[in-house]
Amino acid sequence: MKKDKKKRPKKFYSPEFKVQAIELAEEIGPKQAAEKLGIKSLQSIMSWIRYSKKIDEDADFRELEDTKAEIKKLRKQAIEDNFHAILRDATAFFCQDQPK
């Protein structure tokens, strides 16, 4: 019979933290850096290192990542703009029934 494993929420690390972790890993090694920073998975820090190297070495990959970031930013802005338009229209709709 399988034991029910409780899923832990995925831990989020800021980009600044990842940069510092990569720099520390270059100085003292990935395993020691992960232990020192309290990163439970050595695979996490290793993937950050691989990603960082790929960004530094591959201009096409860097451009693709920049494009992805821009698309994400534009989508977020479109959602916010749409939300504000809906809120404005709803406010106008509900205010028109108010007695004067």
C-alpha atoms as a PDB file:
ATOM      1  CA  MET A   1       0.000   0.000   0.000  1.00  0.00           C
ATOM      2  CA  LYS A   2       1.273   3.460  -0.905  1.00  0.00           C
ATOM      3  CA  LYS A   3       1.768   6.032   1.763  1.00  0.00           C
ATOM      4  CA  ASP A   4       0.079   9.318   1.104  1.00  0.00           C
ATOM      5  CA  LYS A   5       2.801  11.845   0.584  1.00  0.00           C
ATOM      6  CA  LYS A   6       1.856  15.358   1.454  1.00  0.00           C
ATOM      7  CA  LYS A   7       2.776  17.715  -1.332  1.00  0.00           C
ATOM      8  CA  ARG A   8       4.744  20.670  -0.146  1.00  0.00           C
ATOM      9  CA  PRO A   9       4.054  23.953  -1.839  1.00  0.00           C
ATOM     10  CA  LYS A  10       6.628  24.780  -4.472  1.00  0.00           C
ATOM     11  CA  LYS A  11       9.191  27.180  -3.107  1.00  0.00           C
ATOM     12  CA  PHE A  12       9.729  30.350  -5.112  1.00  0.00           C
ATOM     13  CA  TYR A  13      13.169  31.922  -5.311  1.00  0.00           C
ATOM     14  CA  SER A  14      13.616  35.474  -6.564  1.00  0.00           C
ATOM     15  CA  PRO A  15      15.902  36.157  -9.532  1.00  0.00           C
ATOM     16  CA  GLU A  16      18.245  38.063  -7.209  1.00  0.00           C
ATOM     17  CA  PHE A  17      18.503  35.054  -4.889  1.00  0.00           C
ATOM     18  CA  LYS A  18      19.263  32.778  -7.842  1.00  0.00           C
ATOM     19  CA  VAL A  19      22.069  35.076  -9.034  1.00  0.00           C
ATOM     20  CA  GLN A  20      23.601  35.114  -5.554  1.00  0.00           C
ATOM     21  CA  ALA A  21      23.258  31.326  -5.302  1.00  0.00           C
ATOM     22  CA  ILE A  22      25.020  30.870  -8.668  1.00  0.00           C
ATOM     23  CA  GLU A  23      27.854  33.172  -7.610  1.00  0.00           C
ATOM     24  CA  LEU A  24      28.248  31.312  -4.323  1.00  0.00           C
ATOM     25  CA  ALA A  25      28.178  27.961  -6.141  1.00  0.00           C
ATOM     26  CA  GLU A  26      30.997  29.136  -8.401  1.00  0.00           C
ATOM     27  CA  GLU A  27      33.047  30.008  -5.312  1.00  0.00           C
ATOM     28  CA  ILE A  28      32.428  27.042  -3.018  1.00  0.00           C
ATOM     29  CA  GLY A  29      30.664  24.476  -5.208  1.00  0.00           C
ATOM     30  CA  PRO A  30      26.988  23.785  -5.877  1.00  0.00           C
ATOM     31  CA  LYS A  31      26.439  21.239  -3.099  1.00  0.00           C
ATOM     32  CA  GLN A  32      27.949  23.448  -0.401  1.00  0.00           C
ATOM     33  CA  ALA A  33      26.100  26.503  -1.720  1.00  0.00           C
ATOM     34  CA  ALA A  34      22.775  24.645  -1.655  1.00  0.00           C
ATOM     35  CA  GLU A  35      23.397  23.521   1.922  1.00  0.00           C
ATOM     36  CA  LYS A  36      24.509  26.982   3.057  1.00  0.00           C
ATOM     37  CA  LEU A  37      21.485  28.688   1.477  1.00  0.00           C
ATOM     38  CA  GLY A  38      18.964  26.072   2.620  1.00  0.00           C
ATOM     39  CA  ILE A  39      18.067  24.900  -0.866  1.00  0.00           C
ATOM     40  CA  LYS A  40      16.760  21.366  -0.399  1.00  0.00           C
ATOM     41  CA  SER A  41      17.243  20.272  -3.991  1.00  0.00           C
ATOM     42  CA  LEU A  42      20.714  20.321  -5.497  1.00  0.00           C
ATOM     43  CA  GLN A  43      18.997  19.944  -8.879  1.00  0.00           C
ATOM     44  CA  SER A  44      17.479  23.413  -8.471  1.00  0.00           C
ATOM     45  CA  ILE A  45      20.794  25.194  -8.146  1.00  0.00           C
ATOM     46  CA  MET A  46      22.301  23.073 -10.931  1.00  0.00           C
ATOM     47  CA  SER A  47      19.477  24.025 -13.299  1.00  0.00           C
ATOM     48  CA  TRP A  48      19.979  27.719 -12.447  1.00  0.00           C
ATOM     49  CA  ILE A  49      23.676  27.365 -13.283  1.00  0.00           C
ATOM     50  CA  ARG A  50      22.935  25.641 -16.627  1.00  0.00           C
ATOM     51  CA  TYR A  51      20.356  28.286 -17.511  1.00  0.00           C
ATOM     52  CA  SER A  52      22.761  31.098 -16.625  1.00  0.00           C
ATOM     53  CA  LYS A  53      25.499  29.616 -18.791  1.00  0.00           C
ATOM     54  CA  LYS A  54      23.128  29.159 -21.704  1.00  0.00           C
ATOM     55  CA  ILE A  55      21.958  32.781 -21.427  1.00  0.00           C
ATOM     56  CA  ASP A  56      25.571  33.989 -21.375  1.00  0.00           C
ATOM     57  CA  GLU A  57      26.741  31.835 -24.287  1.00  0.00           C
ATOM     58  CA  ASP A  58      23.781  31.690 -26.698  1.00  0.00           C
ATOM     59  CA  ALA A  59      22.567  34.994 -28.148  1.00  0.00           C
ATOM     60  CA  ASP A  60      19.560  33.368 -29.858  1.00  0.00           C
ATOM     61  CA  PHE A  61      18.454  31.765 -26.596  1.00  0.00           C
ATOM     62  CA  ARG A  62      18.896  35.082 -24.774  1.00  0.00           C
ATOM     63  CA  GLU A  63      16.778  36.840 -27.411  1.00  0.00           C
ATOM     64  CA  LEU A  64      14.095  34.160 -27.116  1.00  0.00           C
ATOM     65  CA  GLU A  65      13.998  34.539 -23.333  1.00  0.00           C
ATOM     66  CA  ASP A  66      13.766  38.327 -23.662  1.00  0.00           C
ATOM     67  CA  THR A  67      10.871  37.895 -26.092  1.00  0.00           C
ATOM     68  CA  LYS A  68       9.109  35.516 -23.693  1.00  0.00           C
ATOM     69  CA  ALA A  69       9.498  38.041 -20.876  1.00  0.00           C
ATOM     70  CA  GLU A  70       8.073  40.816 -23.061  1.00  0.00           C
ATOM     71  CA  ILE A  71       5.087  38.657 -24.049  1.00  0.00           C
ATOM     72  CA  LYS A  72       4.428  37.840 -20.401  1.00  0.00           C
ATOM     73  CA  LYS A  73       4.568  41.539 -19.516  1.00  0.00           C
ATOM     74  CA  LEU A  74       2.194  42.476 -22.355  1.00  0.00           C
ATOM     75  CA  ARG A  75      -0.284  39.736 -21.403  1.00  0.00           C
ATOM     76  CA  LYS A  76      -0.321  40.955 -17.820  1.00  0.00           C
ATOM     77  CA  GLN A  77      -0.885  44.526 -18.995  1.00  0.00           C
ATOM     78  CA  ALA A  78      -3.721  43.417 -21.321  1.00  0.00           C
ATOM     79  CA  ILE A  79      -5.420  41.572 -18.457  1.00  0.00           C
ATOM     80  CA  GLU A  80      -5.123  44.625 -16.202  1.00  0.00           C
ATOM     81  CA  ASP A  81      -6.469  46.927 -18.926  1.00  0.00           C
ATOM     82  CA  ASN A  82      -9.377  44.570 -19.588  1.00  0.00           C
ATOM     83  CA  PHE A  83     -10.143  44.345 -15.865  1.00  0.00           C
ATOM     84  CA  HIS A  84     -10.205  48.130 -15.530  1.00  0.00           C
ATOM     85  CA  ALA A  85     -12.480  48.465 -18.560  1.00  0.00           C
ATOM     86  CA  ILE A  86     -14.914  45.901 -17.134  1.00  0.00           C
ATOM     87  CA  LEU A  87     -14.834  47.606 -13.747  1.00  0.00           C
ATOM     88  CA  ARG A  88     -15.475  51.013 -15.344  1.00  0.00           C
ATOM     89  CA  ASP A  89     -18.412  49.650 -17.376  1.00  0.00           C
ATOM     90  CA  ALA A  90     -19.888  47.855 -14.366  1.00  0.00           C
ATOM     91  CA  THR A  91     -19.631  50.998 -12.270  1.00  0.00           C
ATOM     92  CA  ALA A  92     -21.388  53.018 -14.967  1.00  0.00           C
ATOM     93  CA  PHE A  93     -24.106  50.367 -15.284  1.00  0.00           C
ATOM     94  CA  PHE A  94     -24.850  50.188 -11.569  1.00  0.00           C
ATOM     95  CA  CYS A  95     -24.691  53.957 -11.099  1.00  0.00           C
ATOM     96  CA  GLN A  96     -27.335  54.628 -13.775  1.00  0.00           C
ATOM     97  CA  ASP A  97     -30.057  53.044 -11.589  1.00  0.00           C
ATOM     98  CA  GLN A  98     -29.378  55.368  -8.656  1.00  0.00           C
ATOM     99  CA  PRO A  99     -32.186  57.804  -7.824  1.00  0.00           C
ATOM    100  CA  LYS A 100     -31.324  61.439  -8.316  1.00  0.00           C
END
